[in-house]
């Protein structure tokens, strides 16, 4: 069964590993980017590793907020109807 142009547009530009339950333009937040450090001063917090992987993949826009106590990374799912609009 052939897909409609709308269905094709919705999936053509989206990475395969994108969480499909996050709608275009939607946000999610991961916290505690600055977790725990080992004796050599490296941040080995698992949340930081996930955040760094998501940033490296370039799937989401992101912003780090460091309050001096808590740290948050806000991710935004690209809205292909806005960011990739060329009409």
Protein backbone atom coordinates (compact mmCIF):
# COMPACT_ATOMS: atom_id res chain seq x y z
CA UNK A 1 0.00 0.00 0.00
CA UNK A 2 1.46 3.35 -1.03
CA UNK A 3 1.91 6.04 1.59
CA UNK A 4 0.41 9.47 1.26
CA UNK A 5 2.65 12.54 0.72
CA UNK A 6 1.81 13.60 4.28
CA UNK A 7 3.00 10.29 5.73
CA UNK A 8 6.17 10.45 3.65
CA UNK A 9 6.92 13.99 4.83
CA UNK A 10 6.40 12.96 8.45
CA UNK A 11 8.98 10.17 8.31
CA UNK A 12 11.46 11.08 5.56
CA UNK A 13 13.54 13.50 7.63
CA UNK A 14 13.27 11.81 11.02
CA UNK A 15 16.10 9.62 12.36
CA UNK A 16 15.29 5.95 12.91
CA UNK A 17 16.12 6.05 16.64
CA UNK A 18 13.93 9.04 17.46
CA UNK A 19 11.38 8.41 20.20
CA UNK A 20 8.15 8.36 18.22
CA UNK A 21 6.02 9.28 21.22
CA UNK A 22 7.60 12.75 21.38
CA UNK A 23 5.62 14.92 19.03
CA UNK A 24 7.33 17.45 16.74
CA UNK A 25 8.20 20.53 18.75
CA UNK A 26 7.88 18.55 22.01
CA UNK A 27 10.30 18.81 24.93
CA UNK A 28 11.85 16.44 27.43
CA UNK A 29 14.25 17.13 30.28
CA UNK A 30 17.05 15.08 31.78
CA UNK A 31 18.51 16.28 35.05
CA UNK A 32 21.74 15.93 37.00
CA UNK A 33 24.14 16.42 34.08
CA UNK A 34 26.85 17.19 36.63
CA UNK A 35 26.55 13.92 38.54
CA UNK A 36 29.35 12.17 40.36
CA UNK A 37 33.06 12.36 39.61
CA UNK A 38 35.75 9.73 39.98
CA UNK A 39 39.17 10.26 41.57
CA UNK A 40 40.56 11.61 38.28
CA UNK A 41 37.83 14.25 38.07
CA UNK A 42 35.84 12.61 35.25
CA UNK A 43 32.07 12.81 35.35
CA UNK A 44 30.96 9.18 35.12
CA UNK A 45 27.30 9.76 35.81
CA UNK A 46 25.15 7.54 33.54
CA UNK A 47 22.71 10.38 32.85
CA UNK A 48 25.58 12.52 31.51
CA UNK A 49 26.58 9.70 29.18
CA UNK A 50 23.04 9.47 27.78
CA UNK A 51 22.84 13.25 27.39
CA UNK A 52 26.19 13.36 25.58
CA UNK A 53 25.07 10.58 23.23
CA UNK A 54 21.84 12.41 22.41
CA UNK A 55 23.76 15.62 21.74
CA UNK A 56 26.28 13.80 19.52
CA UNK A 57 23.47 12.25 17.47
CA UNK A 58 22.19 15.73 16.64
CA UNK A 59 18.55 14.64 16.72
CA UNK A 60 17.33 17.25 19.19
CA UNK A 61 17.94 20.89 19.90
CA UNK A 62 19.30 21.16 23.42
CA UNK A 63 20.14 23.61 26.18
CA UNK A 64 22.06 23.05 29.42
CA UNK A 65 20.78 24.88 32.49
CA UNK A 66 23.18 24.85 35.43
CA UNK A 67 21.66 26.33 38.57
CA UNK A 68 24.74 25.74 40.71
CA UNK A 69 22.86 23.00 42.52
CA UNK A 70 20.77 21.07 40.01
CA UNK A 71 21.59 20.86 36.33
CA UNK A 72 19.11 20.18 33.56
CA UNK A 73 19.37 19.57 29.84
CA UNK A 74 16.24 20.50 27.94
CA UNK A 75 15.83 18.71 24.63
CA UNK A 76 13.42 19.80 21.92
CA UNK A 77 12.26 17.59 19.10
CA UNK A 78 12.61 19.35 15.75
CA UNK A 79 9.34 20.28 14.15
CA UNK A 80 9.96 19.41 10.51
CA UNK A 81 6.95 21.43 9.43
CA UNK A 82 8.72 24.56 10.72
CA UNK A 83 12.49 23.98 10.63
CA UNK A 84 12.61 22.28 7.22
CA UNK A 85 9.91 24.34 5.53
CA UNK A 86 11.20 25.75 2.27
CA UNK A 87 7.98 26.73 0.56
